[in-house]
C-alpha atoms as a PDB file:
ATOM      1  CA  VAL A   1     -25.645-179.094   9.442  1.00  0.00           C
ATOM      2  CA  ALA A   2     -28.197-176.479   9.434  1.00  0.00           C
ATOM      3  CA  VAL A   3     -30.715-177.231   6.790  1.00  0.00           C
ATOM      4  CA  PRO A   4     -34.601-177.184   6.721  1.00  0.00           C
ATOM      5  CA  MET A   5     -37.429-179.720   6.076  1.00  0.00           C
ATOM      6  CA  ALA A   6     -38.287-179.992   2.399  1.00  0.00           C
ATOM      7  CA  SER A   7     -40.927-177.995   1.168  1.00  0.00           C
ATOM      8  CA  GLU A   8     -42.168-177.183  -2.410  1.00  0.00           C
ATOM      9  CA  VAL A   9     -43.613-174.180  -4.156  1.00  0.00           C
ATOM     10  CA  ASN A  10     -45.637-174.349  -7.293  1.00  0.00           C
ATOM     11  CA  GLY A  11     -46.763-170.895  -6.855  1.00  0.00           C
ATOM     12  CA  HIS A  12     -47.384-171.807  -3.341  1.00  0.00           C
ATOM     13  CA  PRO A  13     -46.041-174.072  -0.849  1.00  0.00           C
ATOM     14  CA  SER A  14     -47.097-177.709  -1.165  1.00  0.00           C
ATOM     15  CA  SER A  15     -46.236-181.192   0.159  1.00  0.00           C
ATOM     16  CA  SER A  16     -42.808-182.749  -0.784  1.00  0.00           C
ATOM     17  CA  GLU A  17     -44.697-185.810  -1.950  1.00  0.00           C
ATOM     18  CA  ASN A  18     -46.221-184.391  -5.116  1.00  0.00           C
ATOM     19  CA  GLY A  19     -43.411-185.125  -7.508  1.00  0.00           C
ATOM     20  CA  VAL A  20     -42.254-183.030 -10.497  1.00  0.00           C
ATOM     21  CA  GLY A  21     -45.039-181.022 -12.065  1.00  0.00           C
ATOM     22  CA  GLY A  22     -45.904-180.174 -15.577  1.00  0.00           C
ATOM     23  CA  GLY A  23     -42.551-180.998 -17.146  1.00  0.00           C
ATOM     24  CA  GLY A  24     -41.218-177.374 -16.098  1.00  0.00           C
ATOM     25  CA  GLU A  25     -38.161-176.290 -14.457  1.00  0.00           C
ATOM     26  CA  VAL A  26     -37.138-177.741 -11.043  1.00  0.00           C
ATOM     27  CA  TYR A  27     -35.327-175.529  -8.617  1.00  0.00           C
ATOM     28  CA  LEU A  28     -33.435-177.411  -6.049  1.00  0.00           C
ATOM     29  CA  VAL A  29     -32.400-175.270  -2.806  1.00  0.00           C
ATOM     30  CA  THR A  30     -30.131-176.725  -0.124  1.00  0.00           C
ATOM     31  CA  GLY A  31     -30.030-174.916   3.179  1.00  0.00           C
ATOM     32  CA  GLY A  32     -33.623-173.701   2.637  1.00  0.00           C
ATOM     33  CA  SER A  33     -34.573-173.109   6.346  1.00  0.00           C
ATOM     34  CA  GLY A  34     -31.679-170.537   6.992  1.00  0.00           C
ATOM     35  CA  LEU A  35     -31.658-166.808   6.709  1.00  0.00           C
ATOM     36  CA  LEU A  36     -31.194-166.788   2.897  1.00  0.00           C
ATOM     37  CA  GLY A  37     -33.106-169.755   2.057  1.00  0.00           C
ATOM     38  CA  GLN A  38     -36.188-168.594   3.765  1.00  0.00           C
ATOM     39  CA  ALA A  39     -35.685-165.129   1.935  1.00  0.00           C
ATOM     40  CA  LEU A  40     -35.582-166.995  -1.313  1.00  0.00           C
ATOM     41  CA  LYS A  41     -38.748-168.676  -0.759  1.00  0.00           C
ATOM     42  CA  ARG A  42     -40.359-165.449   0.192  1.00  0.00           C
ATOM     43  CA  VAL A  43     -39.093-163.839  -3.050  1.00  0.00           C
ATOM     44  CA  VAL A  44     -40.146-166.968  -5.230  1.00  0.00           C
ATOM     45  CA  GLU A  45     -43.825-166.889  -3.725  1.00  0.00           C
ATOM     46  CA  ALA A  46     -44.140-163.183  -4.363  1.00  0.00           C
ATOM     47  CA  SER A  47     -42.721-163.518  -7.881  1.00  0.00           C
ATOM     48  CA  GLU A  48     -44.424-166.736  -8.807  1.00  0.00           C
ATOM     49  CA  GLY A  49     -47.599-166.716  -6.731  1.00  0.00           C
ATOM     50  CA  GLY A  50     -49.707-166.399  -9.815  1.00  0.00           C
ATOM     51  CA  ALA A  51     -47.814-168.920 -11.908  1.00  0.00           C
ATOM     52  CA  ALA A  52     -49.592-171.906 -13.248  1.00  0.00           C
ATOM     53  CA  LYS A  53     -49.049-174.895 -11.217  1.00  0.00           C
ATOM     54  CA  GLY A  54     -46.242-176.909 -12.659  1.00  0.00           C
ATOM     55  CA  SER A  55     -44.816-174.308 -14.677  1.00  0.00           C
ATOM     56  CA  SER A  56     -41.777-174.258 -12.362  1.00  0.00           C
ATOM     57  CA  LYS A  57     -41.208-176.048  -9.015  1.00  0.00           C
ATOM     58  CA  TRP A  58     -39.063-175.023  -6.078  1.00  0.00           C
ATOM     59  CA  VAL A  59     -37.815-177.649  -3.560  1.00  0.00           C
ATOM     60  CA  PHE A  60     -36.360-176.143  -0.368  1.00  0.00           C
ATOM     61  CA  LEU A  61     -34.407-179.042   1.315  1.00  0.00           C
ATOM     62  CA  SER A  62     -33.597-180.121   4.863  1.00  0.00           C
ATOM     63  CA  SER A  63     -31.047-182.361   6.429  1.00  0.00           C
ATOM     64  CA  LYS A  64     -33.957-184.689   7.021  1.00  0.00           C
ATOM     65  CA  ASP A  65     -33.992-185.360   3.313  1.00  0.00           C
ATOM     66  CA  ALA A  66     -30.376-186.141   2.764  1.00  0.00           C
ATOM     67  CA  ASP A  67     -26.828-186.029   4.297  1.00  0.00           C
ATOM     68  CA  LEU A  68     -25.202-183.876   1.777  1.00  0.00           C
ATOM     69  CA  ARG A  69     -21.674-185.038   3.184  1.00  0.00           C
ATOM     70  CA  ASP A  70     -22.538-188.479   1.593  1.00  0.00           C
ATOM     71  CA  TYR A  71     -22.268-188.765  -2.066  1.00  0.00           C
ATOM     72  CA  GLU A  72     -25.016-191.598  -2.377  1.00  0.00           C
ATOM     73  CA  SER A  73     -27.477-189.628  -0.135  1.00  0.00           C
ATOM     74  CA  SER A  74     -27.018-186.588  -2.199  1.00  0.00           C
ATOM     75  CA  ARG A  75     -27.195-188.707  -5.408  1.00  0.00           C
ATOM     76  CA  ARG A  76     -30.486-190.164  -4.453  1.00  0.00           C
ATOM     77  CA  LEU A  77     -31.621-186.540  -3.840  1.00  0.00           C
ATOM     78  CA  PHE A  78     -30.858-185.416  -7.387  1.00  0.00           C
ATOM     79  CA  ASP A  79     -32.278-188.677  -8.752  1.00  0.00           C
ATOM     80  CA  LYS A  80     -35.601-187.921  -6.961  1.00  0.00           C
ATOM     81  CA  HIS A  81     -35.972-184.354  -7.941  1.00  0.00           C
ATOM     82  CA  ARG A  82     -34.037-184.141 -11.266  1.00  0.00           C
ATOM     83  CA  PRO A  83     -33.388-180.457 -10.724  1.00  0.00           C
ATOM     84  CA  THR A  84     -32.865-178.296 -13.910  1.00  0.00           C
ATOM     85  CA  HIS A  85     -31.388-175.516 -11.417  1.00  0.00           C
ATOM     86  CA  VAL A  86     -29.661-175.741  -7.956  1.00  0.00           C
ATOM     87  CA  VAL A  87     -29.012-173.081  -5.311  1.00  0.00           C
ATOM     88  CA  HIS A  88     -26.508-174.420  -2.950  1.00  0.00           C
ATOM     89  CA  LEU A  89     -26.697-172.657   0.423  1.00  0.00           C
ATOM     90  CA  ALA A  90     -26.195-175.537   2.943  1.00  0.00           C
ATOM     91  CA  ALA A  91     -22.847-175.491   5.140  1.00  0.00           C
ATOM     92  CA  LYS A  92     -21.517-176.601   8.334  1.00  0.00           C
ATOM     93  CA  VAL A  93     -21.295-173.112  10.084  1.00  0.00           C
ATOM     94  CA  GLY A  94     -20.473-172.132  13.597  1.00  0.00           C
ATOM     95  CA  GLY A  95     -19.177-169.388  15.689  1.00  0.00           C
ATOM     96  CA  LEU A  96     -15.546-168.305  16.247  1.00  0.00           C
ATOM     97  CA  PHE A  97     -14.607-170.756  18.936  1.00  0.00           C
ATOM     98  CA  ALA A  98     -16.392-173.517  17.284  1.00  0.00           C
ATOM     99  CA  ASN A  99     -14.301-172.951  14.092  1.00  0.00           C
ATOM    100  CA  MET A 100     -10.965-172.571  16.116  1.00  0.00           C
ATOM    101  CA  ALA A 101     -11.659-175.811  17.969  1.00  0.00           C
ATOM    102  CA  ASP A 102     -12.526-177.885  14.941  1.00  0.00           C
ATOM    103  CA  GLN A 103     -10.754-176.636  11.693  1.00  0.00           C
ATOM    104  CA  VAL A 104     -10.585-180.380  10.460  1.00  0.00           C
ATOM    105  CA  GLY A 105     -14.484-180.772  10.599  1.00  0.00           C
ATOM    106  CA  PHE A 106     -15.399-177.500   9.002  1.00  0.00           C
ATOM    107  CA  PHE A 107     -12.836-178.018   6.324  1.00  0.00           C
ATOM    108  CA  ARG A 108     -13.675-181.777   5.412  1.00  0.00           C
ATOM    109  CA  GLN A 109     -17.443-181.753   5.988  1.00  0.00           C
ATOM    110  CA  ASN A 110     -17.751-178.544   3.838  1.00  0.00           C
ATOM    111  CA  MET A 111     -15.559-180.086   1.316  1.00  0.00           C
ATOM    112  CA  GLN A 112     -17.453-183.301   1.268  1.00  0.00           C
ATOM    113  CA  MET A 113     -20.770-181.356   0.918  1.00  0.00           C
ATOM    114  CA  ASN A 114     -19.478-179.088  -1.781  1.00  0.00           C
ATOM    115  CA  ASP A 115     -17.697-181.607  -3.969  1.00  0.00           C
ATOM    116  CA  ASN A 116     -20.803-183.883  -4.019  1.00  0.00           C
ATOM    117  CA  ILE A 117     -23.297-181.029  -4.907  1.00  0.00           C
ATOM    118  CA  VAL A 118     -20.990-179.546  -7.581  1.00  0.00           C
ATOM    119  CA  SER A 119     -20.051-182.881  -9.220  1.00  0.00           C
ATOM    120  CA  LEU A 120     -23.819-184.018  -9.190  1.00  0.00           C
ATOM    121  CA  CYS A 121     -24.862-180.663 -10.705  1.00  0.00           C
ATOM    122  CA  HIS A 122     -22.467-181.468 -13.586  1.00  0.00           C
ATOM    123  CA  ASP A 123     -23.578-185.279 -13.798  1.00  0.00           C
ATOM    124  CA  TYR A 124     -27.150-184.451 -13.874  1.00  0.00           C
ATOM    125  CA  LYS A 125     -26.628-181.729 -16.518  1.00  0.00           C
ATOM    126  CA  VAL A 126     -28.209-178.931 -14.344  1.00  0.00           C
ATOM    127  CA  LYS A 127     -28.662-175.908 -16.446  1.00  0.00           C
ATOM    128  CA  ARG A 128     -27.323-173.464 -13.949  1.00  0.00           C
ATOM    129  CA  ALA A 129     -26.265-173.560 -10.325  1.00  0.00           C
ATOM    130  CA  ILE A 130     -25.578-170.780  -7.821  1.00  0.00           C
ATOM    131  CA  PHE A 131     -23.135-171.588  -5.057  1.00  0.00           C
ATOM    132  CA  CYS A 132     -22.685-169.352  -1.725  1.00  0.00           C
ATOM    133  CA  LEU A 133     -19.450-168.334  -0.465  1.00  0.00           C
ATOM    134  CA  SER A 134     -18.592-166.021   2.525  1.00  0.00           C
ATOM    135  CA  THR A 135     -16.628-163.095   2.980  1.00  0.00           C
ATOM    136  CA  CYS A 136     -14.285-164.797   5.337  1.00  0.00           C
ATOM    137  CA  VAL A 137     -12.646-166.189   2.085  1.00  0.00           C
ATOM    138  CA  PHE A 138     -10.854-162.787   1.854  1.00  0.00           C
ATOM    139  CA  PRO A 139      -7.544-162.561   3.357  1.00  0.00           C
ATOM    140  CA  PRO A 140      -6.952-159.857   5.931  1.00  0.00           C
ATOM    141  CA  SER A 141      -4.353-158.302   3.686  1.00  0.00           C
ATOM    142  CA  ALA A 142      -6.789-157.862   0.734  1.00  0.00           C
ATOM    143  CA  PRO A 143      -6.945-154.155  -0.312  1.00  0.00           C
ATOM    144  CA  MET A 144     -10.089-152.213  -0.031  1.00  0.00           C
ATOM    145  CA  PRO A 145     -12.415-152.066  -1.470  1.00  0.00           C
ATOM    146  CA  LEU A 146     -12.481-155.698  -1.681  1.00  0.00           C
ATOM    147  CA  THR A 147     -13.159-157.128  -5.151  1.00  0.00           C
ATOM    148  CA  GLU A 148     -14.014-160.751  -6.397  1.00  0.00           C
ATOM    149  CA  ASP A 149     -10.556-161.098  -7.827  1.00  0.00           C
ATOM    150  CA  SER A 150      -8.578-160.525  -4.550  1.00  0.00           C
ATOM    151  CA  LEU A 151     -10.280-163.695  -3.016  1.00  0.00           C
ATOM    152  CA  HIS A 152      -7.229-165.906  -3.337  1.00  0.00           C
ATOM    153  CA  SER A 153      -4.466-163.261  -3.059  1.00  0.00           C
ATOM    154  CA  ALA A 154      -3.214-164.439   0.447  1.00  0.00           C
ATOM    155  CA  PRO A 155      -4.285-166.919   2.985  1.00  0.00           C
ATOM    156  CA  PRO A 156      -7.561-166.467   4.854  1.00  0.00           C
ATOM    157  CA  HIS A 157      -7.577-165.408   8.577  1.00  0.00           C
ATOM    158  CA  PRO A 158      -6.168-168.137  10.737  1.00  0.00           C
ATOM    159  CA  SER A 159      -9.128-168.229  13.347  1.00  0.00           C
ATOM    160  CA  ASN A 160     -11.504-169.796  10.655  1.00  0.00           C
ATOM    161  CA  GLU A 161      -9.255-170.883   7.798  1.00  0.00           C
ATOM    162  CA  GLY A 162     -10.829-174.445   7.777  1.00  0.00           C
ATOM    163  CA  TYR A 163     -14.155-173.093   6.937  1.00  0.00           C
ATOM    164  CA  ALA A 164     -12.802-170.351   4.582  1.00  0.00           C
ATOM    165  CA  ASN A 165     -10.458-172.566   2.682  1.00  0.00           C
ATOM    166  CA  ALA A 166     -13.401-175.124   2.047  1.00  0.00           C
ATOM    167  CA  LYS A 167     -15.331-172.083   0.671  1.00  0.00           C
ATOM    168  CA  ARG A 168     -12.305-171.063  -1.445  1.00  0.00           C
ATOM    169  CA  MET A 169     -12.048-174.556  -3.030  1.00  0.00           C
ATOM    170  CA  LEU A 170     -15.857-174.253  -3.735  1.00  0.00           C
ATOM    171  CA  GLU A 171     -15.134-171.356  -6.015  1.00  0.00           C
ATOM    172  CA  CYS A 172     -12.267-172.943  -7.637  1.00  0.00           C
ATOM    173  CA  LEU A 173     -14.188-176.232  -8.355  1.00  0.00           C
ATOM    174  CA  ALA A 174     -17.285-174.368  -9.692  1.00  0.00           C
ATOM    175  CA  ARG A 175     -14.880-172.192 -11.799  1.00  0.00           C
ATOM    176  CA  TYR A 176     -12.966-175.359 -13.206  1.00  0.00           C
ATOM    177  CA  TYR A 177     -16.299-177.089 -14.152  1.00  0.00           C
ATOM    178  CA  ARG A 178     -17.082-173.880 -16.007  1.00  0.00           C
ATOM    179  CA  GLN A 179     -13.824-173.632 -17.954  1.00  0.00           C
ATOM    180  CA  GLN A 180     -13.561-177.333 -18.722  1.00  0.00           C
ATOM    181  CA  TYR A 181     -17.209-178.378 -19.538  1.00  0.00           C
ATOM    182  CA  ASN A 182     -19.069-174.859 -20.046  1.00  0.00           C
ATOM    183  CA  ASP A 183     -21.244-175.405 -17.096  1.00  0.00           C
ATOM    184  CA  GLU A 184     -23.217-172.331 -15.994  1.00  0.00           C
ATOM    185  CA  PHE A 185     -21.690-172.331 -12.489  1.00  0.00           C
ATOM    186  CA  VAL A 186     -21.651-168.993 -10.523  1.00  0.00           C
ATOM    187  CA  CYS A 187     -20.604-168.165  -6.951  1.00  0.00           C
ATOM    188  CA  ILE A 188     -22.015-165.313  -4.885  1.00  0.00           C
ATOM    189  CA  ILE A 189     -20.258-163.719  -1.970  1.00  0.00           C
ATOM    190  CA  PRO A 190     -22.911-162.152   0.537  1.00  0.00           C
ATOM    191  CA  THR A 191     -21.669-159.389   2.798  1.00  0.00           C
ATOM    192  CA  ASN A 192     -23.150-158.718   6.158  1.00  0.00           C
ATOM    193  CA  LEU A 193     -26.645-160.289   5.490  1.00  0.00           C
ATOM    194  CA  TYR A 194     -29.319-159.835   8.031  1.00  0.00           C
ATOM    195  CA  GLY A 195     -33.049-160.382   8.279  1.00  0.00           C
ATOM    196  CA  PRO A 196     -35.838-162.839   9.492  1.00  0.00           C
ATOM    197  CA  ASN A 197     -34.565-166.424  10.375  1.00  0.00           C
ATOM    198  CA  ASP A 198     -31.086-165.182  11.106  1.00  0.00           C
ATOM    199  CA  ASN A 199     -29.145-166.687  13.974  1.00  0.00           C
ATOM    200  CA  PHE A 200     -29.611-164.564  17.046  1.00  0.00           C
ATOM    201  CA  ASN A 201     -27.440-166.720  19.366  1.00  0.00           C
ATOM    202  CA  LEU A 202     -25.383-164.135  21.369  1.00  0.00           C
ATOM    203  CA  GLU A 203     -22.257-166.372  21.048  1.00  0.00           C
ATOM    204  CA  GLU A 204     -22.384-166.941  17.309  1.00  0.00           C
ATOM    205  CA  ALA A 205     -24.550-163.935  15.866  1.00  0.00           C
ATOM    206  CA  HIS A 206     -23.395-161.254  13.633  1.00  0.00           C
ATOM    207  CA  VAL A 207     -23.750-157.641  14.626  1.00  0.00           C
ATOM    208  CA  ILE A 208     -27.297-156.995  13.742  1.00  0.00           C
ATOM    209  CA  PRO A 209     -29.065-160.101  14.979  1.00  0.00           C
ATOM    210  CA  ALA A 210     -26.711-159.983  18.239  1.00  0.00           C
ATOM    211  CA  LEU A 211     -27.774-156.277  18.831  1.00  0.00           C
ATOM    212  CA  ILE A 212     -31.453-157.034  18.279  1.00  0.00           C
ATOM    213  CA  HIS A 213     -31.339-159.677  20.809  1.00  0.00           C
ATOM    214  CA  LYS A 214     -29.545-157.683  23.201  1.00  0.00           C
ATOM    215  CA  CYS A 215     -31.918-154.844  22.843  1.00  0.00           C
ATOM    216  CA  TYR A 216     -34.971-157.146  23.294  1.00  0.00           C
ATOM    217  CA  LEU A 217     -33.292-158.713  26.584  1.00  0.00           C
ATOM    218  CA  ALA A 218     -32.531-155.091  27.935  1.00  0.00           C
ATOM    219  CA  GLN A 219     -36.163-154.160  27.183  1.00  0.00           C
ATOM    220  CA  GLN A 220     -37.432-157.241  29.057  1.00  0.00           C
ATOM    221  CA  ASP A 221     -35.209-156.862  31.934  1.00  0.00           C
ATOM    222  CA  ASN A 222     -35.452-153.046  32.398  1.00  0.00           C
ATOM    223  CA  GLN A 223     -31.624-152.745  31.997  1.00  0.00           C
ATOM    224  CA  PRO A 224     -29.396-150.453  29.716  1.00  0.00           C
ATOM    225  CA  PHE A 225     -29.026-151.690  26.061  1.00  0.00           C
ATOM    226  CA  VAL A 226     -25.091-152.183  25.977  1.00  0.00           C
ATOM    227  CA  VAL A 227     -23.248-151.939  22.634  1.00  0.00           C
ATOM    228  CA  SER A 228     -19.861-153.294  22.528  1.00  0.00           C
ATOM    229  CA  GLY A 229     -17.372-150.771  21.264  1.00  0.00           C
ATOM    230  CA  SER A 230     -17.665-147.167  20.287  1.00  0.00           C
ATOM    231  CA  GLY A 231     -20.304-147.519  17.591  1.00  0.00           C
ATOM    232  CA  LYS A 232     -18.249-145.858  15.122  1.00  0.00           C
ATOM    233  CA  PRO A 233     -16.954-148.929  12.700  1.00  0.00           C
ATOM    234  CA  LEU A 234     -18.679-148.924   9.197  1.00  0.00           C
ATOM    235  CA  ARG A 235     -20.059-151.809   7.479  1.00  0.00           C
ATOM    236  CA  GLN A 236     -22.278-152.385   4.259  1.00  0.00           C
ATOM    237  CA  PHE A 237     -25.333-154.484   5.299  1.00  0.00           C
ATOM    238  CA  LEU A 238     -27.789-156.161   2.859  1.00  0.00           C
ATOM    239  CA  TYR A 239     -31.127-157.458   3.870  1.00  0.00           C
ATOM    240  CA  SER A 240     -31.731-161.179   3.156  1.00  0.00           C
ATOM    241  CA  ASP A 241     -34.666-160.659   0.633  1.00  0.00           C
ATOM    242  CA  ASP A 242     -32.402-158.450  -1.450  1.00  0.00           C
ATOM    243  CA  CYS A 243     -29.782-161.034  -1.758  1.00  0.00           C
ATOM    244  CA  ALA A 244     -32.513-163.622  -2.586  1.00  0.00           C
ATOM    245  CA  ARG A 245     -33.702-161.208  -5.427  1.00  0.00           C
ATOM    246  CA  ILE A 246     -30.198-161.244  -6.677  1.00  0.00           C
ATOM    247  CA  ILE A 247     -30.085-165.058  -6.679  1.00  0.00           C
ATOM    248  CA  TYR A 248     -33.529-165.217  -8.461  1.00  0.00           C
ATOM    249  CA  GLU A 249     -32.035-162.835 -11.123  1.00  0.00           C
ATOM    250  CA  LEU A 250     -29.064-164.946 -11.653  1.00  0.00           C
ATOM    251  CA  LEU A 251     -31.141-168.048 -12.158  1.00  0.00           C
ATOM    252  CA  ARG A 252     -33.439-166.422 -14.678  1.00  0.00           C
ATOM    253  CA  THR A 253     -31.012-163.951 -16.577  1.00  0.00           C
ATOM    254  CA  SER A 254     -29.728-164.910 -20.157  1.00  0.00           C
ATOM    255  CA  SER A 255     -26.200-166.892 -20.451  1.00  0.00           C
ATOM    256  CA  GLU A 256     -24.919-163.791 -22.095  1.00  0.00           C
ATOM    257  CA  LYS A 257     -25.206-161.844 -18.889  1.00  0.00           C
ATOM    258  CA  LEU A 258     -23.107-164.369 -16.820  1.00  0.00           C
ATOM    259  CA  THR A 259     -19.808-162.692 -17.669  1.00  0.00           C
ATOM    260  CA  PHE A 260     -18.363-163.441 -14.147  1.00  0.00           C
ATOM    261  CA  ASN A 261     -17.374-166.480 -11.978  1.00  0.00           C
ATOM    262  CA  SER A 262     -18.143-164.811  -8.682  1.00  0.00           C
ATOM    263  CA  MET A 263     -20.110-161.783  -7.598  1.00  0.00           C
ATOM    264  CA  MET A 264     -20.192-159.810  -4.165  1.00  0.00           C
ATOM    265  CA  CYS A 265     -23.678-159.228  -2.951  1.00  0.00           C
ATOM    266  CA  VAL A 266     -23.184-156.096  -0.979  1.00  0.00           C
ATOM    267  CA  GLY A 267     -25.223-153.100   0.068  1.00  0.00           C
ATOM    268  CA  ASP A 268     -24.638-149.722  -1.371  1.00  0.00           C
ATOM    269  CA  THR A 269     -24.096-147.641   1.689  1.00  0.00           C
ATOM    270  CA  GLU A 270     -21.729-147.933   4.560  1.00  0.00           C
ATOM    271  CA  HIS A 271     -23.637-147.550   7.874  1.00  0.00           C
ATOM    272  CA  SER A 272     -22.053-147.144  11.540  1.00  0.00           C
ATOM    273  CA  ILE A 273     -22.824-149.524  14.092  1.00  0.00           C
ATOM    274  CA  LYS A 274     -24.360-146.621  16.047  1.00  0.00           C
ATOM    275  CA  GLN A 275     -26.739-146.198  13.214  1.00  0.00           C
ATOM    276  CA  VAL A 276     -27.695-149.884  13.387  1.00  0.00           C
ATOM    277  CA  ALA A 277     -28.165-149.507  17.115  1.00  0.00           C
ATOM    278  CA  ASP A 278     -30.282-146.494  16.866  1.00  0.00           C
ATOM    279  CA  ALA A 279     -32.461-148.346  14.119  1.00  0.00           C
ATOM    280  CA  ILE A 280     -33.075-151.211  16.599  1.00  0.00           C
ATOM    281  CA  VAL A 281     -33.828-148.966  19.331  1.00  0.00           C
ATOM    282  CA  SER A 282     -36.450-147.219  17.193  1.00  0.00           C
ATOM    283  CA  ALA A 283     -37.916-150.508  15.853  1.00  0.00           C
ATOM    284  CA  MET A 284     -37.929-152.128  19.321  1.00  0.00           C
ATOM    285  CA  GLU A 285     -39.466-148.909  20.758  1.00  0.00           C
ATOM    286  CA  PHE A 286     -36.891-149.205  23.471  1.00  0.00           C
ATOM    287  CA  LYS A 287     -37.035-146.271  26.045  1.00  0.00           C
ATOM    288  CA  GLY A 288     -34.115-147.239  28.223  1.00  0.00           C
ATOM    289  CA  GLU A 289     -30.608-146.061  28.341  1.00  0.00           C
ATOM    290  CA  VAL A 290     -28.190-146.869  25.408  1.00  0.00           C
ATOM    291  CA  LYS A 291     -24.579-147.484  26.530  1.00  0.00           C
ATOM    292  CA  TYR A 292     -21.486-147.947  24.437  1.00  0.00           C
ATOM    293  CA  ASP A 293     -18.688-149.964  26.150  1.00  0.00           C
ATOM    294  CA  THR A 294     -15.547-148.655  24.827  1.00  0.00           C
ATOM    295  CA  SER A 295     -13.642-151.193  27.050  1.00  0.00           C
ATOM    296  CA  LYS A 296     -14.571-153.549  24.084  1.00  0.00           C
ATOM    297  CA  ALA A 297     -12.380-153.495  20.879  1.00  0.00           C
ATOM    298  CA  ASP A 298     -13.982-152.047  17.816  1.00  0.00           C
ATOM    299  CA  GLY A 299     -12.317-154.279  15.409  1.00  0.00           C
ATOM    300  CA  VAL A 300     -11.624-153.260  11.853  1.00  0.00           C
ATOM    301  CA  TYR A 301     -12.949-149.640  11.243  1.00  0.00           C
ATOM    302  CA  LYS A 302     -13.829-150.368   7.628  1.00  0.00           C
ATOM    303  CA  LYS A 303     -14.284-153.295   5.395  1.00  0.00           C
ATOM    304  CA  THR A 304     -15.592-151.711   2.260  1.00  0.00           C
ATOM    305  CA  ALA A 305     -16.473-153.976  -0.503  1.00  0.00           C
ATOM    306  CA  SER A 306     -17.139-153.169  -4.241  1.00  0.00           C
ATOM    307  CA  ASN A 307     -20.366-154.001  -5.809  1.00  0.00           C
ATOM    308  CA  ALA A 308     -19.371-152.833  -9.315  1.00  0.00           C
ATOM    309  CA  ILE A 309     -20.044-156.326 -10.753  1.00  0.00           C
ATOM    310  CA  LEU A 310     -23.402-156.482  -8.953  1.00  0.00           C
ATOM    311  CA  ARG A 311     -24.311-153.116 -10.071  1.00  0.00           C
ATOM    312  CA  GLY A 312     -23.552-153.947 -13.686  1.00  0.00           C
ATOM    313  CA  PHE A 313     -25.576-157.044 -13.747  1.00  0.00           C
ATOM    314  CA  MET A 314     -28.778-156.214 -11.603  1.00  0.00           C
ATOM    315  CA  PRO A 315     -31.655-154.163 -13.417  1.00  0.00           C
ATOM    316  CA  LYS A 316     -31.273-150.437 -12.898  1.00  0.00           C
ATOM    317  CA  ASP A 317     -34.332-150.186 -10.960  1.00  0.00           C
ATOM    318  CA  PHE A 318     -32.996-152.764  -8.418  1.00  0.00           C
ATOM    319  CA  THR A 319     -33.079-150.700  -5.016  1.00  0.00           C
ATOM    320  CA  PRO A 320     -31.837-152.474  -1.807  1.00  0.00           C
ATOM    321  CA  ILE A 321     -34.342-151.984   1.114  1.00  0.00           C
ATOM    322  CA  PRO A 322     -33.259-149.269   3.394  1.00  0.00           C
ATOM    323  CA  LEU A 323     -31.252-150.191   6.642  1.00  0.00           C
ATOM    324  CA  GLU A 324     -34.033-148.930   9.002  1.00  0.00           C
ATOM    325  CA  GLU A 325     -36.894-150.615   7.038  1.00  0.00           C
ATOM    326  CA  GLY A 326     -34.810-153.895   6.953  1.00  0.00           C
ATOM    327  CA  ILE A 327     -34.186-153.744  10.793  1.00  0.00           C
ATOM    328  CA  ARG A 328     -37.750-153.015  11.427  1.00  0.00           C
ATOM    329  CA  ARG A 329     -38.694-156.213   9.596  1.00  0.00           C
ATOM    330  CA  ALA A 330     -36.093-158.164  11.386  1.00  0.00           C
ATOM    331  CA  VAL A 331     -37.284-156.962  14.721  1.00  0.00           C
ATOM    332  CA  VAL A 332     -40.787-157.745  14.220  1.00  0.00           C
ATOM    333  CA  TRP A 333     -39.783-161.254  13.066  1.00  0.00           C
ATOM    334  CA  PHE A 334     -37.785-161.805  16.103  1.00  0.00           C
ATOM    335  CA  LYS A 335     -40.259-160.562  18.436  1.00  0.00           C
ATOM    336  CA  ASP A 336     -43.096-162.637  16.863  1.00  0.00           C
ATOM    337  CA  ASN A 337     -40.691-165.799  16.638  1.00  0.00           C
ATOM    338  CA  PHE A 338     -38.743-165.528  19.913  1.00  0.00           C
ATOM    339  CA  ASP A 339     -39.672-169.022  21.063  1.00  0.00           C
ATOM    340  CA  LYS A 340     -38.527-170.725  17.708  1.00  0.00           C
ATOM    341  CA  ALA A 341     -35.745-168.269  16.497  1.00  0.00           C
ATOM    342  CA  ARG A 342     -32.123-169.625  16.763  1.00  0.00           C
ATOM    343  CA  ARG A 343     -30.753-167.938  19.959  1.00  0.00           C
END
């Protein structure tokens, strides 16, 4: 289970041994070393860098802090930190072949983790909790644009139904607690996230980190940069820090604005894979040949998702980072952190 070492932010990072400061709010983040967890840490540090120490405290957790699949281990974590707010990003994740080979493991381990965290959020009277789903929860037959209410309209794709069904049950459980106990539990469904700290493993990575890694290797080896497919399919990408800004807003907004149980976190614009490749070539300063391998399948041409709920919720001046700038930042991070990146 990919989750990070605990670190705490009281306006700045500090040791995890400091204890709760100042009687303020305590924000507990599971899965804090991943793509979204690290983005949230950057957003918190930018937003609260000048905050008085102890006014609010953020704890970014690691698998070394607790085995979230185990109830007692998870309970001790809540007992230690006494969170007022929780962001649950931790999950057992893997690539296509790993999912297909172990549907039981992906279902049970995520179910155990999610059941423990959601129930403990209720038992410890957490003021608000944000739970992270995945777009794989949507059935292949869902009409476009994808909307939050089509989540349970048909079974998920069989290739990763263990993981997808565990995420669906997380949505159900959070919604039931909200209906039955009035707990402020909300689910987010991020779509095509990318950025620093992503998984760049070529067997598992999503399209942007995979293409960044492939372009880097092509540059190092003085070989053509080969993009699978025609480059024509369209996707809505969202930079990880933008999704983190959405989470931050969800945690800080008034209860009256939480009129939804789940919300898609999706970019405004559809970009072609060719536009992505061009942006990577530019950011990488790759001077070699770019080839499109049309012997490889393109997959689904469009997977348009609605961001109507998101746009109704976020401040009007919320402007996502443009694709070219987001890719530039991701490329810089990958090159600077090649030795420690997940690849």
